[in-house]
Amino acid sequence: MLGRIFLLLGGLVLAVPCMAVTIYKYTDANGVVTYTDKAVAGAQVFVFRDRMVERLDNEVKLETRRHDAGETLLVRNDLFAPVEVEVRLEQLDNVVGAPERPIRWVLAPRSSMRLATLAPRDPTKPLRYTPKLRYALGDPRLAPQPYAYPLPWRGGPFRLTQGANGRYSHFTPKGRYAVDIAMPEGTPIVAARSGVVVKVENDQVGRGTNPSGNFVRILHDDGTMGVYLHLQRGSVLVSEGQRVMVGQPLARSGNTGNSTGPHLHFVVQRNVGLALESIPFEFNQPVDSLPNFAIGGE
């Protein structure tokens, strides 16, 4: 039933790829959940949430070190990828040494840097300010290089159920050029390009709390990132900081997160300036072609 639902959605989104469509969800008398573009009696609007929700607050953060002369403000990046940061200080009170403009910098992986040393104008009074931090994964100065991606799975052939600019969910900046490939749960997922594993999620059950479900994010040498979403719980085989090669097993496909059926959501993204956006890419063969024996398909 889930497969039928997902194929229905695939038909809907491939029909008119240029604009968003309202999707309705309802449960019939037999308890079967159906998604449709028709406003049938008892149906509720299905609210799409962006699939790429990665909170990095624990890995990218501001730190304050107090000393006799005042305070030193630092920014720290604990990720295995560069991060573009912007820090601005607002609501200044009794502060000397604050930058007049926002500080913007690309912070190297696993590093920290001093932003400013602040002192009280009147030493008898406390200094007060409100720091605001913005960040985005990746280095926006790098330019994507041409690359034809091998199919990131073993087996098949499978079916493309939602492509670029799909009306169901591929209309946000982070997912505009993503593809959804319907496949049985447990299908081996492999790296389509070499790089460093930046972020993984492996513990979500079913719909979980993250729309992305379980996933693997890989940083490529040209600054782009390939992301493999909705993976099976406990199936991720790689760890953050690990370098992987083309064809290396990553995980198994699943149906976790904001997923309407078993499939792989694959997207290539880059930092375009304090924002991650998906970018166009091409596979080196049709999705529904014969299995990709070059990387071990069966």
Protein backbone atom coordinates (compact mmCIF):
# COMPACT_ATOMS: atom_id res chain seq x y z
CA MET A 1 0.00 0.00 0.00
CA LEU A 2 2.79 2.42 0.84
CA GLY A 3 4.41 1.69 -2.51
CA ARG A 4 1.11 2.43 -4.28
CA ILE A 5 0.75 5.70 -2.35
CA PHE A 6 4.27 6.72 -3.25
CA LEU A 7 3.77 5.94 -6.93
CA LEU A 8 0.57 7.99 -6.86
CA LEU A 9 2.51 10.94 -5.49
CA GLY A 10 5.19 10.38 -8.09
CA GLY A 11 2.56 10.65 -10.82
CA LEU A 12 1.20 13.82 -9.31
CA VAL A 13 4.53 15.58 -9.05
CA LEU A 14 5.80 14.56 -12.47
CA ALA A 15 2.65 15.79 -14.18
CA VAL A 16 3.31 19.52 -13.63
CA PRO A 17 6.86 20.14 -12.39
CA CYS A 18 6.86 23.92 -12.37
CA MET A 19 4.70 24.85 -9.38
CA ALA A 20 3.63 23.64 -5.96
CA VAL A 21 0.46 21.59 -5.58
CA THR A 22 -1.78 21.06 -2.55
CA ILE A 23 -1.67 17.47 -1.33
CA TYR A 24 -4.46 16.06 0.84
CA LYS A 25 -4.21 13.17 3.27
CA TYR A 26 -7.10 11.05 4.50
CA THR A 27 -7.75 7.69 6.15
CA ASP A 28 -10.58 5.52 4.86
CA ALA A 29 -12.87 3.19 6.84
CA ASN A 30 -10.32 0.38 6.53
CA GLY A 31 -7.56 2.49 8.04
CA VAL A 32 -5.74 2.93 4.73
CA VAL A 33 -3.89 6.27 4.45
CA THR A 34 -4.14 7.93 1.04
CA TYR A 35 -2.47 11.04 -0.39
CA THR A 36 -4.19 12.83 -3.26
CA ASP A 37 -4.48 16.20 -5.00
CA LYS A 38 -8.29 16.01 -4.67
CA ALA A 39 -10.05 17.67 -1.71
CA VAL A 40 -12.18 14.65 -0.79
CA ALA A 41 -14.51 14.66 2.22
CA GLY A 42 -12.65 14.32 5.51
CA ALA A 43 -9.22 14.95 3.99
CA GLN A 44 -6.71 17.30 5.58
CA VAL A 45 -4.08 19.36 3.83
CA PHE A 46 -0.74 17.61 4.06
CA VAL A 47 1.79 20.17 5.29
CA PHE A 48 5.20 19.63 3.77
CA ARG A 49 8.24 20.31 5.92
CA ASP A 50 11.63 20.90 4.33
CA ARG A 51 13.46 17.58 4.25
CA MET A 52 16.82 19.13 5.03
CA VAL A 53 16.64 20.05 8.70
CA GLU A 54 20.08 19.81 10.27
CA ARG A 55 20.63 21.62 13.53
CA LEU A 56 24.31 22.34 14.01
CA ASP A 57 24.07 24.42 17.18
CA ASN A 58 26.18 21.89 19.10
CA GLU A 59 28.90 21.83 16.42
CA VAL A 60 29.04 25.51 15.39
CA LYS A 61 28.87 27.88 18.34
CA LEU A 62 30.06 31.08 19.93
CA GLU A 63 32.23 30.99 23.04
CA THR A 64 33.01 33.80 25.48
CA ARG A 65 36.20 33.87 27.49
CA ARG A 66 36.21 36.38 30.31
CA HIS A 67 39.43 37.93 31.61
CA ASP A 68 40.56 40.95 33.62
CA ALA A 69 40.50 43.28 30.60
CA GLY A 70 37.01 42.25 29.42
CA GLU A 71 35.83 39.43 27.17
CA THR A 72 37.12 37.63 24.09
CA LEU A 73 34.52 36.28 21.67
CA LEU A 74 35.39 33.16 19.66
CA VAL A 75 33.54 31.00 17.14
CA ARG A 76 34.13 27.25 17.05
CA ASN A 77 33.54 24.67 14.30
CA ASP A 78 33.55 21.04 15.44
CA LEU A 79 32.41 19.67 12.07
CA PHE A 80 34.52 17.80 9.51
CA ALA A 81 33.67 20.46 6.93
CA PRO A 82 34.29 24.19 6.51
CA VAL A 83 31.54 26.46 7.73
CA GLU A 84 30.77 29.99 6.65
CA VAL A 85 29.87 32.11 9.67
CA GLU A 86 28.55 35.60 10.20
CA VAL A 87 28.55 37.23 13.63
CA ARG A 88 27.06 40.58 14.49
CA LEU A 89 26.90 42.30 17.86
CA GLU A 90 23.71 44.15 18.69
CA GLN A 91 22.29 46.15 21.64
CA LEU A 92 25.74 47.38 22.66
CA ASP A 93 26.03 48.99 26.07
CA ASN A 94 29.32 50.15 27.60
CA VAL A 95 31.34 48.23 25.00
CA VAL A 96 34.68 49.12 23.39
CA GLY A 97 36.21 47.01 20.61
CA ALA A 98 33.01 45.82 18.92
CA PRO A 99 33.29 45.62 15.12
CA GLU A 100 31.18 48.16 13.24
CA ARG A 101 30.12 45.61 10.63
CA PRO A 102 29.17 41.93 10.83
CA ILE A 103 32.18 39.60 10.84
CA ARG A 104 31.96 37.07 8.02
CA TRP A 105 34.46 34.24 7.66
CA VAL A 106 34.92 30.69 6.38
CA LEU A 107 36.02 28.59 9.32
CA ALA A 108 38.13 25.51 8.57
CA PRO A 109 36.98 22.06 9.76
CA ARG A 110 37.60 21.33 13.45
CA SER A 111 38.93 24.79 14.23
CA SER A 112 38.14 28.00 16.08
CA MET A 113 39.02 31.67 15.65
CA ARG A 114 38.96 34.85 17.69
CA LEU A 115 36.36 37.33 16.54
CA ALA A 116 36.87 40.29 18.86
CA THR A 117 38.16 41.32 22.26
CA LEU A 118 35.68 43.55 24.08
CA ALA A 119 36.27 45.83 27.04
CA PRO A 120 33.97 48.02 29.16
CA ARG A 121 34.10 51.72 28.36
CA ASP A 122 33.48 52.36 32.05
CA PRO A 123 35.36 49.70 34.07
CA THR A 124 33.03 50.19 37.01
CA LYS A 125 30.03 48.99 34.98
CA PRO A 126 29.38 45.71 33.17
CA LEU A 127 29.52 45.53 29.38
CA ARG A 128 26.40 44.29 27.63
CA TYR A 129 25.75 43.11 24.07
CA THR A 130 23.72 40.56 22.14
CA PRO A 131 25.66 38.33 19.69
CA LYS A 132 23.86 36.94 16.63
CA LEU A 133 25.36 33.98 14.78
CA ARG A 134 24.47 32.77 11.29
CA TYR A 135 26.19 29.87 9.58
CA ALA A 136 26.04 27.51 6.61
CA LEU A 137 27.95 24.35 5.81
CA GLY A 138 30.56 24.58 3.08
CA ASP A 139 32.86 27.12 1.45
CA PRO A 140 30.97 29.39 -0.98
CA ARG A 141 34.24 30.39 -2.68
CA LEU A 142 34.62 26.96 -4.30
CA ALA A 143 33.18 26.34 -7.77
CA PRO A 144 31.37 23.07 -8.59
CA GLN A 145 33.21 20.94 -11.13
CA PRO A 146 31.52 18.92 -13.90
CA TYR A 147 30.74 15.40 -12.75
CA ALA A 148 28.43 12.61 -13.92
CA TYR A 149 27.15 10.73 -10.87
CA PRO A 150 26.97 6.92 -10.94
CA LEU A 151 23.69 5.57 -9.64
CA PRO A 152 23.95 5.60 -5.80
CA TRP A 153 22.44 2.16 -5.23
CA ARG A 154 22.93 -1.49 -6.10
CA GLY A 155 20.24 -3.43 -7.89
CA GLY A 156 17.22 -2.29 -9.79
CA PRO A 157 16.12 -1.08 -12.18
CA PHE A 158 14.06 1.37 -10.14
CA ARG A 159 11.73 4.23 -10.97
CA LEU A 160 12.13 7.99 -10.65
CA THR A 161 9.00 9.12 -8.79
CA GLN A 162 9.84 12.81 -8.29
CA GLY A 163 12.44 14.85 -10.11
CA ALA A 164 13.68 18.42 -10.16
CA ASN A 165 11.06 21.07 -9.38
CA GLY A 166 8.56 18.41 -8.32
CA ARG A 167 5.34 19.96 -7.01
CA TYR A 168 5.06 17.72 -3.96
CA SER A 169 8.28 18.63 -2.18
CA HIS A 170 11.04 19.56 -4.63
CA PHE A 171 10.32 23.26 -4.80
CA THR A 172 12.36 24.66 -1.90
CA PRO A 173 15.90 26.00 -2.42
CA LYS A 174 17.44 23.07 -0.55
CA GLY A 175 15.64 20.42 -2.60
CA ARG A 176 14.72 21.95 -5.95
CA TYR A 177 17.00 19.64 -7.96
CA ALA A 178 16.65 16.53 -5.80
CA VAL A 179 15.40 13.18 -7.08
CA ASP A 180 13.26 10.54 -5.39
CA ILE A 181 13.81 6.93 -6.44
CA ALA A 182 11.26 4.34 -5.32
CA MET A 183 12.99 1.16 -4.16
CA PRO A 184 12.39 -1.62 -1.63
CA GLU A 185 13.53 -1.00 1.93
CA GLY A 186 16.95 -2.49 2.51
CA THR A 187 18.35 -1.70 -0.95
CA PRO A 188 22.14 -1.11 -0.67
CA ILE A 189 23.03 2.59 -0.99
CA VAL A 190 26.55 3.44 -2.16
CA ALA A 191 28.59 6.61 -2.55
CA ALA A 192 28.06 8.28 -5.92
CA ARG A 193 31.14 10.46 -5.44
CA SER A 194 34.18 10.37 -3.18
CA GLY A 195 34.50 12.74 -0.25
CA VAL A 196 34.40 13.14 3.51
CA VAL A 197 31.40 12.14 5.58
CA VAL A 198 30.23 15.34 7.30
CA LYS A 199 27.02 14.34 9.06
CA VAL A 200 25.01 11.17 9.66
CA GLU A 201 21.73 10.28 11.36
CA ASN A 202 21.15 6.61 12.10
CA ASP A 203 18.65 6.25 14.96
CA GLN A 204 15.29 7.44 13.66
CA VAL A 205 12.37 5.05 13.72
CA GLY A 206 9.55 5.50 11.22
CA ARG A 207 8.56 9.13 10.81
CA GLY A 208 10.87 10.22 13.65
CA THR A 209 11.47 13.85 14.55
CA ASN A 210 13.59 14.92 11.55
CA PRO A 211 11.92 15.23 8.11
CA SER A 212 15.16 13.96 6.54
CA GLY A 213 14.93 10.66 8.41
CA ASN A 214 18.22 8.84 8.67
CA PHE A 215 20.78 10.26 6.25
CA VAL A 216 24.42 10.56 5.17
CA ARG A 217 25.96 13.87 4.02
CA ILE A 218 29.25 13.73 2.09
CA LEU A 219 31.45 16.74 1.28
CA HIS A 220 33.09 16.47 -2.17
CA ASP A 221 36.46 17.97 -3.05
CA ASP A 222 34.86 20.81 -5.07
CA GLY A 223 32.80 21.98 -2.11
CA THR A 224 29.53 20.39 -3.19
CA MET A 225 27.76 17.89 -0.93
CA GLY A 226 25.82 14.77 -1.77
CA VAL A 227 23.04 13.85 0.66
CA TYR A 228 21.29 10.48 0.88
CA LEU A 229 17.99 10.63 2.84
CA HIS A 230 15.29 8.40 4.41
CA LEU A 231 17.70 5.56 5.17
CA GLN A 232 16.85 2.47 7.19
CA ARG A 233 17.42 2.75 10.92
CA GLY A 234 20.72 1.31 12.09
CA SER A 235 21.95 0.67 8.55
CA VAL A 236 24.49 3.52 8.22
CA LEU A 237 27.97 2.02 7.81
CA VAL A 238 30.13 5.15 7.74
CA SER A 239 31.06 7.67 10.41
CA GLU A 240 31.63 11.42 10.49
CA GLY A 241 35.14 12.35 9.41
CA GLN A 242 35.60 9.20 7.34
CA ARG A 243 36.71 9.51 3.71
CA VAL A 244 34.71 7.35 1.30
CA MET A 245 35.25 6.36 -2.31
CA VAL A 246 32.87 5.95 -5.23
CA GLY A 247 30.84 2.76 -4.85
CA GLN A 248 31.58 2.34 -1.15
CA PRO A 249 28.55 1.06 0.81
CA LEU A 250 26.96 3.78 2.93
CA ALA A 251 23.69 2.35 4.25
CA ARG A 252 20.42 0.76 3.16
CA SER A 253 17.37 2.54 1.82
CA GLY A 254 14.41 3.00 4.11
CA ASN A 255 11.18 4.87 4.76
CA THR A 256 12.10 7.22 7.62
CA GLY A 257 11.33 10.89 8.15
CA ASN A 258 8.96 12.85 5.91
CA SER A 259 8.54 9.96 3.49
CA THR A 260 5.39 8.75 1.77
CA GLY A 261 6.86 5.38 0.90
CA PRO A 262 10.13 3.43 0.64
CA HIS A 263 12.58 5.42 -1.48
CA LEU A 264 15.92 7.19 -1.67
CA HIS A 265 15.98 10.99 -1.77
CA PHE A 266 19.27 12.09 -3.32
CA VAL A 267 20.34 15.72 -3.65
CA VAL A 268 23.52 17.68 -4.39
CA GLN A 269 23.94 20.96 -2.52
CA ARG A 270 26.44 23.79 -2.12
CA ASN A 271 26.81 26.88 0.02
CA VAL A 272 25.77 29.87 -2.10
CA GLY A 273 26.52 32.41 0.64
CA LEU A 274 25.24 31.64 4.14
CA ALA A 275 22.66 29.32 2.62
CA LEU A 276 22.63 25.75 1.36
CA GLU A 277 20.91 25.26 -1.97
CA SER A 278 20.49 22.28 -4.23
CA ILE A 279 22.18 22.45 -7.62
CA PRO A 280 21.52 20.63 -10.91
CA PHE A 281 23.35 17.35 -11.47
CA GLU A 282 23.21 14.40 -13.83
CA PHE A 283 23.48 10.64 -13.42
CA ASN A 284 25.80 8.88 -15.84
CA GLN A 285 22.98 6.57 -16.98
CA PRO A 286 19.18 6.55 -16.90
CA VAL A 287 17.65 5.81 -13.50
CA ASP A 288 15.51 2.96 -14.86
CA SER A 289 18.37 1.39 -16.83
CA LEU A 290 19.92 -1.99 -16.10
CA PRO A 291 21.65 -2.43 -12.72
CA ASN A 292 24.88 -0.50 -12.37
CA PHE A 293 27.33 -3.42 -12.56
CA ALA A 294 30.27 -0.98 -12.48
CA ILE A 295 29.68 -0.51 -8.76
CA GLY A 296 28.47 -4.00 -7.95
CA GLY A 297 24.79 -3.97 -8.91
CA GLU A 298 23.02 -7.27 -8.99
